Amino acid sequence: MAASNKAVLGPLVGAVDQGTSSTRFLVFNSKTAELLSHHQVEIKQEFPREGWVEQDPKEILHSVYECIEKTCEKLGQLNIDISNIKAIGVSNQRETTVVWDKITGEPLYNAVDCLTNE
């Protein structure tokens, strides 16, 4: 059985940063805090009225999947074993609301973010 050529870099930590304008996934070496790889995807925004931003919830979810996949591909190209990712933190749009159909799992409308501080 051939030995793996993948580098072992002690536990790795991933971070999903899902914001109003983009999604990012970053992977760090937990011992050194070195950023090993990342990927970012821009998110389309709609502005139906002043102070109001809408986004397609499925696009948001797909962007998270894409960022994780692309980052892991980049780690593989660096011969870093992705099985060493031991934890993933998530930072998301806390002020954004999405309503999902409990039977179909489909969003009922766009993600809505009110930007005004009234």
PDB file of N, CA and C in Angstrom:
ATOM      1  N   MET A   1       0.840  -1.177   0.000  1.00  0.00           N
ATOM      2  CA  MET A   1       0.000   0.000   0.000  1.00  0.00           C
ATOM      3  C   MET A   1       0.888   1.245   0.000  1.00  0.00           C
ATOM      4  N   ALA A   2       0.639   2.150  -0.936  1.00  0.00           N
ATOM      5  CA  ALA A   2       1.463   3.348  -1.080  1.00  0.00           C
ATOM      6  C   ALA A   2       1.144   4.351   0.020  1.00  0.00           C
ATOM      7  N   ALA A   3       2.168   5.025   0.493  1.00  0.00           N
ATOM      8  CA  ALA A   3       1.988   6.059   1.512  1.00  0.00           C
ATOM      9  C   ALA A   3       1.357   7.287   0.871  1.00  0.00           C
ATOM     10  N   SER A   4       0.550   7.997   1.629  1.00  0.00           N
ATOM     11  CA  SER A   4      -0.108   9.204   1.134  1.00  0.00           C
ATOM     12  C   SER A   4       0.919  10.323   0.972  1.00  0.00           C
ATOM     13  N   ASN A   5       0.748  11.105  -0.094  1.00  0.00           N
ATOM     14  CA  ASN A   5       1.621  12.257  -0.330  1.00  0.00           C
ATOM     15  C   ASN A   5       1.062  13.528   0.300  1.00  0.00           C
ATOM     16  N   LYS A   6      -0.069  13.418   0.971  1.00  0.00           N
ATOM     17  CA  LYS A   6      -0.720  14.592   1.544  1.00  0.00           C
ATOM     18  C   LYS A   6       0.015  15.056   2.799  1.00  0.00           C
ATOM     19  N   ALA A   7       0.148  16.362   2.924  1.00  0.00           N
ATOM     20  CA  ALA A   7       0.796  16.946   4.101  1.00  0.00           C
ATOM     21  C   ALA A   7      -0.146  16.862   5.298  1.00  0.00           C
ATOM     22  N   VAL A   8       0.398  16.550   6.435  1.00  0.00           N
ATOM     23  CA  VAL A   8      -0.380  16.519   7.677  1.00  0.00           C
ATOM     24  C   VAL A   8      -0.036  17.776   8.455  1.00  0.00           C
ATOM     25  N   LEU A   9      -1.014  18.662   8.567  1.00  0.00           N
ATOM     26  CA  LEU A   9      -0.780  19.949   9.226  1.00  0.00           C
ATOM     27  C   LEU A   9      -1.660  20.073  10.470  1.00  0.00           C
ATOM     28  N   GLY A  10      -1.582  19.135  11.341  1.00  0.00           N
ATOM     29  CA  GLY A  10      -2.311  19.230  12.609  1.00  0.00           C
ATOM     30  C   GLY A  10      -3.715  19.736  12.424  1.00  0.00           C
ATOM     31  N   PRO A  11      -4.574  19.821  13.341  1.00  0.00           N
ATOM     32  CA  PRO A  11      -5.961  20.125  13.000  1.00  0.00           C
ATOM     33  C   PRO A  11      -6.092  21.450  12.244  1.00  0.00           C
ATOM     34  N   LEU A  12      -6.970  21.423  11.251  1.00  0.00           N
ATOM     35  CA  LEU A  12      -7.287  22.613  10.468  1.00  0.00           C
ATOM     36  C   LEU A  12      -8.660  23.114  10.898  1.00  0.00           C
ATOM     37  N   VAL A  13      -8.889  24.413  10.730  1.00  0.00           N
ATOM     38  CA  VAL A  13     -10.165  25.026  11.074  1.00  0.00           C
ATOM     39  C   VAL A  13     -10.677  25.777   9.853  1.00  0.00           C
ATOM     40  N   GLY A  14     -11.945  25.547   9.525  1.00  0.00           N
ATOM     41  CA  GLY A  14     -12.577  26.250   8.415  1.00  0.00           C
ATOM     42  C   GLY A  14     -13.492  27.343   8.928  1.00  0.00           C
ATOM     43  N   ALA A  15     -13.727  28.345   8.092  1.00  0.00           N
ATOM     44  CA  ALA A  15     -14.644  29.432   8.446  1.00  0.00           C
ATOM     45  C   ALA A  15     -15.477  29.800   7.231  1.00  0.00           C
ATOM     46  N   VAL A  16     -16.798  29.729   7.379  1.00  0.00           N
ATOM     47  CA  VAL A  16     -17.722  30.219   6.365  1.00  0.00           C
ATOM     48  C   VAL A  16     -18.096  31.634   6.763  1.00  0.00           C
ATOM     49  N   ASP A  17     -17.866  32.583   5.867  1.00  0.00           N
ATOM     50  CA  ASP A  17     -18.233  33.983   6.080  1.00  0.00           C
ATOM     51  C   ASP A  17     -19.264  34.328   5.014  1.00  0.00           C
ATOM     52  N   GLN A  18     -20.543  34.273   5.371  1.00  0.00           N
ATOM     53  CA  GLN A  18     -21.615  34.510   4.411  1.00  0.00           C
ATOM     54  C   GLN A  18     -22.202  35.881   4.690  1.00  0.00           C
ATOM     55  N   GLY A  19     -21.907  36.844   3.822  1.00  0.00           N
ATOM     56  CA  GLY A  19     -22.354  38.214   3.998  1.00  0.00           C
ATOM     57  C   GLY A  19     -23.329  38.654   2.922  1.00  0.00           C
ATOM     58  N   THR A  20     -23.716  39.910   2.979  1.00  0.00           N
ATOM     59  CA  THR A  20     -24.695  40.443   2.037  1.00  0.00           C
ATOM     60  C   THR A  20     -24.169  40.490   0.608  1.00  0.00           C
ATOM     61  N   SER A  21     -22.879  40.724   0.431  1.00  0.00           N
ATOM     62  CA  SER A  21     -22.348  40.863  -0.923  1.00  0.00           C
ATOM     63  C   SER A  21     -21.550  39.659  -1.407  1.00  0.00           C
ATOM     64  N   SER A  22     -21.111  38.766  -0.487  1.00  0.00           N
ATOM     65  CA  SER A  22     -20.327  37.614  -0.931  1.00  0.00           C
ATOM     66  C   SER A  22     -20.303  36.525   0.131  1.00  0.00           C
ATOM     67  N   THR A  23     -19.840  35.372  -0.303  1.00  0.00           N
ATOM     68  CA  THR A  23     -19.601  34.237   0.589  1.00  0.00           C
ATOM     69  C   THR A  23     -18.137  33.864   0.453  1.00  0.00           C
ATOM     70  N   ARG A  24     -17.509  33.535   1.589  1.00  0.00           N
ATOM     71  CA  ARG A  24     -16.119  33.064   1.579  1.00  0.00           C
ATOM     72  C   ARG A  24     -16.013  31.830   2.457  1.00  0.00           C
ATOM     73  N   PHE A  25     -15.086  30.951   2.080  1.00  0.00           N
ATOM     74  CA  PHE A  25     -14.704  29.844   2.954  1.00  0.00           C
ATOM     75  C   PHE A  25     -13.195  29.897   3.068  1.00  0.00           C
ATOM     76  N   LEU A  26     -12.704  29.885   4.299  1.00  0.00           N
ATOM     77  CA  LEU A  26     -11.272  29.987   4.567  1.00  0.00           C
ATOM     78  C   LEU A  26     -10.859  28.808   5.438  1.00  0.00           C
ATOM     79  N   VAL A  27      -9.647  28.303   5.220  1.00  0.00           N
ATOM     80  CA  VAL A  27      -9.121  27.226   6.056  1.00  0.00           C
ATOM     81  C   VAL A  27      -7.786  27.671   6.639  1.00  0.00           C
ATOM     82  N   PHE A  28      -7.667  27.498   7.962  1.00  0.00           N
ATOM     83  CA  PHE A  28      -6.490  27.925   8.712  1.00  0.00           C
ATOM     84  C   PHE A  28      -5.836  26.729   9.394  1.00  0.00           C
ATOM     85  N   ASN A  29      -4.523  26.818   9.578  1.00  0.00           N
ATOM     86  CA  ASN A  29      -3.804  25.899  10.449  1.00  0.00           C
ATOM     87  C   ASN A  29      -4.120  26.346  11.876  1.00  0.00           C
ATOM     88  N   SER A  30      -4.694  25.456  12.671  1.00  0.00           N
ATOM     89  CA  SER A  30      -5.133  25.864  14.012  1.00  0.00           C
ATOM     90  C   SER A  30      -3.972  26.150  14.959  1.00  0.00           C
ATOM     91  N   LYS A  31      -2.798  25.628  14.668  1.00  0.00           N
ATOM     92  CA  LYS A  31      -1.654  25.851  15.562  1.00  0.00           C
ATOM     93  C   LYS A  31      -0.931  27.167  15.278  1.00  0.00           C
ATOM     94  N   THR A  32      -0.934  27.600  14.009  1.00  0.00           N
ATOM     95  CA  THR A  32      -0.183  28.797  13.630  1.00  0.00           C
ATOM     96  C   THR A  32      -1.074  29.955  13.171  1.00  0.00           C
ATOM     97  N   ALA A  33      -2.376  29.684  12.964  1.00  0.00           N
ATOM     98  CA  ALA A  33      -3.336  30.659  12.434  1.00  0.00           C
ATOM     99  C   ALA A  33      -3.021  31.059  10.990  1.00  0.00           C
ATOM    100  N   GLU A  34      -2.150  30.310  10.322  1.00  0.00           N
ATOM    101  CA  GLU A  34      -1.817  30.586   8.922  1.00  0.00           C
ATOM    102  C   GLU A  34      -3.006  30.259   8.032  1.00  0.00           C
ATOM    103  N   LEU A  35      -3.363  31.205   7.149  1.00  0.00           N
ATOM    104  CA  LEU A  35      -4.403  30.969   6.155  1.00  0.00           C
ATOM    105  C   LEU A  35      -3.816  30.061   5.077  1.00  0.00           C
ATOM    106  N   LEU A  36      -4.405  28.887   4.912  1.00  0.00           N
ATOM    107  CA  LEU A  36      -3.872  27.918   3.957  1.00  0.00           C
ATOM    108  C   LEU A  36      -4.545  28.019   2.595  1.00  0.00           C
ATOM    109  N   SER A  37      -5.835  28.326   2.587  1.00  0.00           N
ATOM    110  CA  SER A  37      -6.568  28.420   1.331  1.00  0.00           C
ATOM    111  C   SER A  37      -7.901  29.110   1.577  1.00  0.00           C
ATOM    112  N   HIS A  38      -8.458  29.696   0.513  1.00  0.00           N
ATOM    113  CA  HIS A  38      -9.781  30.299   0.601  1.00  0.00           C
ATOM    114  C   HIS A  38     -10.378  30.440  -0.785  1.00  0.00           C
ATOM    115  N   HIS A  39     -11.672  30.681  -0.810  1.00  0.00           N
ATOM    116  CA  HIS A  39     -12.371  30.955  -2.067  1.00  0.00           C
ATOM    117  C   HIS A  39     -13.534  31.893  -1.745  1.00  0.00           C
ATOM    118  N   GLN A  40     -13.832  32.801  -2.668  1.00  0.00           N
ATOM    119  CA  GLN A  40     -14.896  33.782  -2.465  1.00  0.00           C
ATOM    120  C   GLN A  40     -15.787  33.834  -3.689  1.00  0.00           C
ATOM    121  N   VAL A  41     -17.095  33.978  -3.464  1.00  0.00           N
ATOM    122  CA  VAL A  41     -18.089  34.091  -4.533  1.00  0.00           C
ATOM    123  C   VAL A  41     -18.963  35.300  -4.240  1.00  0.00           C
ATOM    124  N   GLU A  42     -19.134  36.165  -5.226  1.00  0.00           N
ATOM    125  CA  GLU A  42     -20.022  37.316  -5.080  1.00  0.00           C
ATOM    126  C   GLU A  42     -21.474  36.852  -5.152  1.00  0.00           C
ATOM    127  N   ILE A  43     -22.338  37.558  -4.438  1.00  0.00           N
ATOM    128  CA  ILE A  43     -23.770  37.263  -4.395  1.00  0.00           C
ATOM    129  C   ILE A  43     -24.522  38.397  -5.074  1.00  0.00           C
ATOM    130  N   LYS A  44     -25.477  38.037  -5.953  1.00  0.00           N
ATOM    131  CA  LYS A  44     -26.297  39.066  -6.596  1.00  0.00           C
ATOM    132  C   LYS A  44     -27.244  39.677  -5.575  1.00  0.00           C
ATOM    133  N   GLN A  45     -27.429  40.977  -5.682  1.00  0.00           N
ATOM    134  CA  GLN A  45     -28.328  41.697  -4.782  1.00  0.00           C
ATOM    135  C   GLN A  45     -29.386  42.422  -5.602  1.00  0.00           C
ATOM    136  N   GLU A  46     -30.589  42.479  -5.061  1.00  0.00           N
ATOM    137  CA  GLU A  46     -31.668  43.266  -5.655  1.00  0.00           C
ATOM    138  C   GLU A  46     -32.063  44.329  -4.641  1.00  0.00           C
ATOM    139  N   PHE A  47     -32.382  45.516  -5.131  1.00  0.00           N
ATOM    140  CA  PHE A  47     -32.759  46.633  -4.261  1.00  0.00           C
ATOM    141  C   PHE A  47     -34.156  47.112  -4.659  1.00  0.00           C
ATOM    142  N   PRO A  48     -35.218  46.414  -4.203  1.00  0.00           N
ATOM    143  CA  PRO A  48     -36.572  46.770  -4.633  1.00  0.00           C
ATOM    144  C   PRO A  48     -37.071  48.097  -4.079  1.00  0.00           C
ATOM    145  N   ARG A  49     -36.462  48.556  -2.995  1.00  0.00           N
ATOM    146  CA  ARG A  49     -36.779  49.876  -2.436  1.00  0.00           C
ATOM    147  C   ARG A  49     -35.625  50.320  -1.553  1.00  0.00           C
ATOM    148  N   GLU A  50     -35.622  51.612  -1.208  1.00  0.00           N
ATOM    149  CA  GLU A  50     -34.532  52.167  -0.414  1.00  0.00           C
ATOM    150  C   GLU A  50     -34.410  51.449   0.932  1.00  0.00           C
ATOM    151  N   GLY A  51     -33.182  51.075   1.286  1.00  0.00           N
ATOM    152  CA  GLY A  51     -32.923  50.426   2.563  1.00  0.00           C
ATOM    153  C   GLY A  51     -33.283  48.953   2.605  1.00  0.00           C
ATOM    154  N   TRP A  52     -33.610  48.361   1.464  1.00  0.00           N
ATOM    155  CA  TRP A  52     -34.084  46.982   1.403  1.00  0.00           C
ATOM    156  C   TRP A  52     -33.232  46.222   0.390  1.00  0.00           C
ATOM    157  N   VAL A  53     -32.649  45.106   0.823  1.00  0.00           N
ATOM    158  CA  VAL A  53     -31.843  44.262  -0.070  1.00  0.00           C
ATOM    159  C   VAL A  53     -32.459  42.872  -0.084  1.00  0.00           C
ATOM    160  N   GLU A  54     -32.554  42.291  -1.284  1.00  0.00           N
ATOM    161  CA  GLU A  54     -33.046  40.926  -1.413  1.00  0.00           C
ATOM    162  C   GLU A  54     -32.019  40.086  -2.157  1.00  0.00           C
ATOM    163  N   GLN A  55     -31.990  38.783  -1.810  1.00  0.00           N
ATOM    164  CA  GLN A  55     -31.112  37.833  -2.485  1.00  0.00           C
ATOM    165  C   GLN A  55     -31.836  36.510  -2.641  1.00  0.00           C
ATOM    166  N   ASP A  56     -31.431  35.731  -3.613  1.00  0.00           N
ATOM    167  CA  ASP A  56     -31.991  34.403  -3.844  1.00  0.00           C
ATOM    168  C   ASP A  56     -31.415  33.444  -2.803  1.00  0.00           C
ATOM    169  N   PRO A  57     -32.245  32.871  -1.925  1.00  0.00           N
ATOM    170  CA  PRO A  57     -31.733  31.970  -0.887  1.00  0.00           C
ATOM    171  C   PRO A  57     -30.994  30.759  -1.447  1.00  0.00           C
ATOM    172  N   LYS A  58     -31.453  30.262  -2.588  1.00  0.00           N
ATOM    173  CA  LYS A  58     -30.773  29.106  -3.192  1.00  0.00           C
ATOM    174  C   LYS A  58     -29.385  29.498  -3.700  1.00  0.00           C
ATOM    175  N   GLU A  59     -29.246  30.724  -4.205  1.00  0.00           N
ATOM    176  CA  GLU A  59     -27.935  31.205  -4.635  1.00  0.00           C
ATOM    177  C   GLU A  59     -26.992  31.324  -3.437  1.00  0.00           C
ATOM    178  N   ILE A  60     -27.514  31.794  -2.307  1.00  0.00           N
ATOM    179  CA  ILE A  60     -26.697  31.895  -1.094  1.00  0.00           C
ATOM    180  C   ILE A  60     -26.195  30.513  -0.699  1.00  0.00           C
ATOM    181  N   LEU A  61     -27.094  29.545  -0.625  1.00  0.00           N
ATOM    182  CA  LEU A  61     -26.724  28.186  -0.233  1.00  0.00           C
ATOM    183  C   LEU A  61     -25.731  27.581  -1.226  1.00  0.00           C
ATOM    184  N   HIS A  62     -25.987  27.767  -2.517  1.00  0.00           N
ATOM    185  CA  HIS A  62     -25.074  27.244  -3.536  1.00  0.00           C
ATOM    186  C   HIS A  62     -23.691  27.880  -3.405  1.00  0.00           C
ATOM    187  N   SER A  63     -23.642  29.165  -3.063  1.00  0.00           N
ATOM    188  CA  SER A  63     -22.344  29.844  -2.937  1.00  0.00           C
ATOM    189  C   SER A  63     -21.528  29.255  -1.793  1.00  0.00           C
ATOM    190  N   VAL A  64     -22.199  28.841  -0.720  1.00  0.00           N
ATOM    191  CA  VAL A  64     -21.498  28.206   0.402  1.00  0.00           C
ATOM    192  C   VAL A  64     -20.905  26.875  -0.062  1.00  0.00           C
ATOM    193  N   TYR A  65     -21.730  26.064  -0.737  1.00  0.00           N
ATOM    194  CA  TYR A  65     -21.235  24.778  -1.253  1.00  0.00           C
ATOM    195  C   TYR A  65     -20.047  24.979  -2.198  1.00  0.00           C
ATOM    196  N   GLU A  66     -20.177  25.964  -3.111  1.00  0.00           N
ATOM    197  CA  GLU A  66     -19.115  26.217  -4.084  1.00  0.00           C
ATOM    198  C   GLU A  66     -17.815  26.653  -3.405  1.00  0.00           C
ATOM    199  N   CYS A  67     -17.936  27.534  -2.424  1.00  0.00           N
ATOM    200  CA  CYS A  67     -16.734  28.018  -1.738  1.00  0.00           C
ATOM    201  C   CYS A  67     -16.032  26.888  -0.999  1.00  0.00           C
ATOM    202  N   ILE A  68     -16.794  26.030  -0.336  1.00  0.00           N
ATOM    203  CA  ILE A  68     -16.185  24.900   0.369  1.00  0.00           C
ATOM    204  C   ILE A  68     -15.518  23.953  -0.633  1.00  0.00           C
ATOM    205  N   GLU A  69     -16.214  23.645  -1.708  1.00  0.00           N
ATOM    206  CA  GLU A  69     -15.661  22.735  -2.722  1.00  0.00           C
ATOM    207  C   GLU A  69     -14.378  23.287  -3.340  1.00  0.00           C
ATOM    208  N   LYS A  70     -14.391  24.541  -3.751  1.00  0.00           N
ATOM    209  CA  LYS A  70     -13.215  25.142  -4.406  1.00  0.00           C
ATOM    210  C   LYS A  70     -12.036  25.258  -3.448  1.00  0.00           C
ATOM    211  N   THR A  71     -12.314  25.615  -2.200  1.00  0.00           N
ATOM    212  CA  THR A  71     -11.238  25.711  -1.210  1.00  0.00           C
ATOM    213  C   THR A  71     -10.611  24.347  -0.981  1.00  0.00           C
ATOM    214  N   CYS A  72     -11.437  23.313  -0.878  1.00  0.00           N
ATOM    215  CA  CYS A  72     -10.906  21.955  -0.674  1.00  0.00           C
ATOM    216  C   CYS A  72     -10.112  21.488  -1.889  1.00  0.00           C
ATOM    217  N   GLU A  73     -10.542  21.862  -3.090  1.00  0.00           N
ATOM    218  CA  GLU A  73      -9.767  21.539  -4.289  1.00  0.00           C
ATOM    219  C   GLU A  73      -8.390  22.200  -4.237  1.00  0.00           C
ATOM    220  N   LYS A  74      -8.358  23.468  -3.817  1.00  0.00           N
ATOM    221  CA  LYS A  74      -7.083  24.182  -3.711  1.00  0.00           C
ATOM    222  C   LYS A  74      -6.177  23.535  -2.671  1.00  0.00           C
ATOM    223  N   LEU A  75      -6.773  23.101  -1.547  1.00  0.00           N
ATOM    224  CA  LEU A  75      -5.976  22.403  -0.533  1.00  0.00           C
ATOM    225  C   LEU A  75      -5.392  21.118  -1.109  1.00  0.00           C
ATOM    226  N   GLY A  76      -6.185  20.402  -1.887  1.00  0.00           N
ATOM    227  CA  GLY A  76      -5.700  19.188  -2.528  1.00  0.00           C
ATOM    228  C   GLY A  76      -4.539  19.467  -3.459  1.00  0.00           C
ATOM    229  N   GLN A  77      -4.608  20.577  -4.198  1.00  0.00           N
ATOM    230  CA  GLN A  77      -3.513  20.955  -5.089  1.00  0.00           C
ATOM    231  C   GLN A  77      -2.244  21.287  -4.309  1.00  0.00           C
ATOM    232  N   LEU A  78      -2.417  21.692  -3.054  1.00  0.00           N
ATOM    233  CA  LEU A  78      -1.274  21.982  -2.176  1.00  0.00           C
ATOM    234  C   LEU A  78      -0.841  20.732  -1.400  1.00  0.00           C
ATOM    235  N   ASN A  79      -1.455  19.593  -1.731  1.00  0.00           N
ATOM    236  CA  ASN A  79      -1.204  18.320  -1.039  1.00  0.00           C
ATOM    237  C   ASN A  79      -1.508  18.394   0.452  1.00  0.00           C
ATOM    238  N   ILE A  80      -2.550  19.137   0.791  1.00  0.00           N
ATOM    239  CA  ILE A  80      -3.009  19.226   2.181  1.00  0.00           C
ATOM    240  C   ILE A  80      -4.256  18.359   2.315  1.00  0.00           C
ATOM    241  N   ASP A  81      -4.256  17.473   3.274  1.00  0.00           N
ATOM    242  CA  ASP A  81      -5.338  16.525   3.485  1.00  0.00           C
ATOM    243  C   ASP A  81      -6.538  17.223   4.131  1.00  0.00           C
ATOM    244  N   ILE A  82      -7.664  17.282   3.396  1.00  0.00           N
ATOM    245  CA  ILE A  82      -8.840  17.984   3.916  1.00  0.00           C
ATOM    246  C   ILE A  82      -9.497  17.248   5.078  1.00  0.00           C
ATOM    247  N   SER A  83      -9.150  15.980   5.286  1.00  0.00           N
ATOM    248  CA  SER A  83      -9.731  15.264   6.430  1.00  0.00           C
ATOM    249  C   SER A  83      -9.202  15.829   7.751  1.00  0.00           C
ATOM    250  N   ASN A  84      -8.204  16.698   7.684  1.00  0.00           N
ATOM    251  CA  ASN A  84      -7.686  17.352   8.891  1.00  0.00           C
ATOM    252  C   ASN A  84      -8.498  18.580   9.293  1.00  0.00           C
ATOM    253  N   ILE A  85      -9.526  18.932   8.493  1.00  0.00           N
ATOM    254  CA  ILE A  85     -10.429  20.012   8.903  1.00  0.00           C
ATOM    255  C   ILE A  85     -11.304  19.436  10.011  1.00  0.00           C
ATOM    256  N   LYS A  86     -11.107  19.914  11.222  1.00  0.00           N
ATOM    257  CA  LYS A  86     -11.771  19.340  12.393  1.00  0.00           C
ATOM    258  C   LYS A  86     -12.936  20.177  12.899  1.00  0.00           C
ATOM    259  N   ALA A  87     -13.020  21.427  12.467  1.00  0.00           N
ATOM    260  CA  ALA A  87     -14.114  22.296  12.901  1.00  0.00           C
ATOM    261  C   ALA A  87     -14.365  23.357  11.841  1.00  0.00           C
ATOM    262  N   ILE A  88     -15.621  23.782  11.747  1.00  0.00           N
ATOM    263  CA  ILE A  88     -15.994  24.862  10.829  1.00  0.00           C
ATOM    264  C   ILE A  88     -16.889  25.832  11.587  1.00  0.00           C
ATOM    265  N   GLY A  89     -16.496  27.104  11.589  1.00  0.00           N
ATOM    266  CA  GLY A  89     -17.314  28.155  12.182  1.00  0.00           C
ATOM    267  C   GLY A  89     -18.099  28.854  11.086  1.00  0.00           C
ATOM    268  N   VAL A  90     -19.215  29.466  11.454  1.00  0.00           N
ATOM    269  CA  VAL A  90     -20.076  30.146  10.486  1.00  0.00           C
ATOM    270  C   VAL A  90     -20.394  31.553  10.983  1.00  0.00           C
ATOM    271  N   SER A  91     -20.162  32.520  10.111  1.00  0.00           N
ATOM    272  CA  SER A  91     -20.609  33.887  10.340  1.00  0.00           C
ATOM    273  C   SER A  91     -21.589  34.196   9.218  1.00  0.00           C
ATOM    274  N   ASN A  92     -22.813  34.566   9.581  1.00  0.00           N
ATOM    275  CA  ASN A  92     -23.820  34.769   8.548  1.00  0.00           C
ATOM    276  C   ASN A  92     -24.531  36.104   8.700  1.00  0.00           C
ATOM    277  N   GLN A  93     -25.488  36.324   7.809  1.00  0.00           N
ATOM    278  CA  GLN A  93     -26.264  37.564   7.802  1.00  0.00           C
ATOM    279  C   GLN A  93     -27.316  37.496   8.904  1.00  0.00           C
ATOM    280  N   ARG A  94     -26.966  37.925  10.065  1.00  0.00           N
ATOM    281  CA  ARG A  94     -27.875  37.803  11.205  1.00  0.00           C
ATOM    282  C   ARG A  94     -29.144  38.644  11.058  1.00  0.00           C
ATOM    283  N   GLU A  95     -29.074  39.716  10.295  1.00  0.00           N
ATOM    284  CA  GLU A  95     -30.237  40.585  10.153  1.00  0.00           C
ATOM    285  C   GLU A  95     -31.110  40.219   8.957  1.00  0.00           C
ATOM    286  N   THR A  96     -30.749  39.149   8.247  1.00  0.00           N
ATOM    287  CA  THR A  96     -31.476  38.731   7.052  1.00  0.00           C
ATOM    288  C   THR A  96     -32.463  37.628   7.396  1.00  0.00           C
ATOM    289  N   THR A  97     -33.636  37.677   6.755  1.00  0.00           N
ATOM    290  CA  THR A  97     -34.690  36.711   7.023  1.00  0.00           C
ATOM    291  C   THR A  97     -35.042  35.931   5.769  1.00  0.00           C
ATOM    292  N   VAL A  98     -35.192  34.606   5.939  1.00  0.00           N
ATOM    293  CA  VAL A  98     -35.682  33.735   4.872  1.00  0.00           C
ATOM    294  C   VAL A  98     -36.767  32.857   5.476  1.00  0.00           C
ATOM    295  N   VAL A  99     -37.871  32.715   4.761  1.00  0.00           N
ATOM    296  CA  VAL A  99     -38.948  31.825   5.184  1.00  0.00           C
ATOM    297  C   VAL A  99     -38.958  30.633   4.236  1.00  0.00           C
ATOM    298  N   TRP A 100     -38.874  29.417   4.821  1.00  0.00           N
ATOM    299  CA  TRP A 100     -38.816  28.174   4.048  1.00  0.00           C
ATOM    300  C   TRP A 100     -40.127  27.402   4.233  1.00  0.00           C
ATOM    301  N   ASP A 101     -40.574  26.734   3.188  1.00  0.00           N
ATOM    302  CA  ASP A 101     -41.741  25.859   3.272  1.00  0.00           C
ATOM    303  C   ASP A 101     -41.349  24.614   4.054  1.00  0.00           C
ATOM    304  N   LYS A 102     -42.047  24.315   5.142  1.00  0.00           N
ATOM    305  CA  LYS A 102     -41.648  23.203   6.002  1.00  0.00           C
ATOM    306  C   LYS A 102     -41.869  21.844   5.344  1.00  0.00           C
ATOM    307  N   ILE A 103     -42.691  21.761   4.321  1.00  0.00           N
ATOM    308  CA  ILE A 103     -42.932  20.486   3.647  1.00  0.00           C
ATOM    309  C   ILE A 103     -41.968  20.278   2.484  1.00  0.00           C
ATOM    310  N   THR A 104     -41.831  21.294   1.641  1.00  0.00           N
ATOM    311  CA  THR A 104     -40.982  21.148   0.445  1.00  0.00           C
ATOM    312  C   THR A 104     -39.527  21.511   0.699  1.00  0.00           C
ATOM    313  N   GLY A 105     -39.265  22.312   1.737  1.00  0.00           N
ATOM    314  CA  GLY A 105     -37.909  22.785   1.989  1.00  0.00           C
ATOM    315  C   GLY A 105     -37.489  23.902   1.056  1.00  0.00           C
ATOM    316  N   GLU A 106     -38.411  24.398   0.246  1.00  0.00           N
ATOM    317  CA  GLU A 106     -38.118  25.476  -0.705  1.00  0.00           C
ATOM    318  C   GLU A 106     -38.361  26.834  -0.046  1.00  0.00           C
ATOM    319  N   PRO A 107     -37.569  27.841  -0.432  1.00  0.00           N
ATOM    320  CA  PRO A 107     -37.823  29.186   0.103  1.00  0.00           C
ATOM    321  C   PRO A 107     -39.141  29.719  -0.463  1.00  0.00           C
ATOM    322  N   LEU A 108     -39.888  30.461   0.361  1.00  0.00           N
ATOM    323  CA  LEU A 108     -41.153  31.039  -0.089  1.00  0.00           C
ATOM    324  C   LEU A 108     -40.951  32.380  -0.785  1.00  0.00           C
ATOM    325  N   TYR A 109     -39.797  33.015  -0.519  1.00  0.00           N
ATOM    326  CA  TYR A 109     -39.497  34.316  -1.109  1.00  0.00           C
ATOM    327  C   TYR A 109     -37.994  34.527  -0.996  1.00  0.00           C
ATOM    328  N   ASN A 110     -37.516  35.591  -1.557  1.00  0.00           N
ATOM    329  CA  ASN A 110     -36.097  35.944  -1.443  1.00  0.00           C
ATOM    330  C   ASN A 110     -35.700  36.187   0.014  1.00  0.00           C
ATOM    331  N   ALA A 111     -34.399  36.110   0.270  1.00  0.00           N
ATOM    332  CA  ALA A 111     -33.855  36.537   1.559  1.00  0.00           C
ATOM    333  C   ALA A 111     -33.998  38.054   1.613  1.00  0.00           C
ATOM    334  N   VAL A 112     -34.499  38.582   2.721  1.00  0.00           N
ATOM    335  CA  VAL A 112     -34.782  40.013   2.860  1.00  0.00           C
ATOM    336  C   VAL A 112     -33.932  40.583   3.976  1.00  0.00           C
ATOM    337  N   ASP A 113     -33.265  41.689   3.659  1.00  0.00           N
ATOM    338  CA  ASP A 113     -32.412  42.383   4.633  1.00  0.00           C
ATOM    339  C   ASP A 113     -32.797  43.846   4.621  1.00  0.00           C
ATOM    340  N   CYS A 114     -33.285  44.338   5.723  1.00  0.00           N
ATOM    341  CA  CYS A 114     -33.626  45.751   5.846  1.00  0.00           C
ATOM    342  C   CYS A 114     -32.414  46.480   6.404  1.00  0.00           C
ATOM    343  N   LEU A 115     -31.867  47.423   5.639  1.00  0.00           N
ATOM    344  CA  LEU A 115     -30.633  48.109   6.022  1.00  0.00           C
ATOM    345  C   LEU A 115     -30.833  49.359   6.857  1.00  0.00           C
ATOM    346  N   THR A 116     -32.056  49.780   7.044  1.00  0.00           N
ATOM    347  CA  THR A 116     -32.275  51.017   7.791  1.00  0.00           C
ATOM    348  C   THR A 116     -32.241  50.750   9.283  1.00  0.00           C
ATOM    349  N   ASN A 117     -31.871  51.749  10.061  1.00  0.00           N
ATOM    350  CA  ASN A 117     -31.825  51.645  11.526  1.00  0.00           C
ATOM    351  C   ASN A 117     -32.934  52.501  12.116  1.00  0.00           C
ATOM    352  N   GLU A 118     -34.162  52.093  11.940  1.00  0.00           N
ATOM    353  CA  GLU A 118     -35.303  52.873  12.458  1.00  0.00           C
ATOM    354  C   GLU A 118     -35.674  52.411  13.838  1.00  0.00           C
TER     355      GLU A 118
END
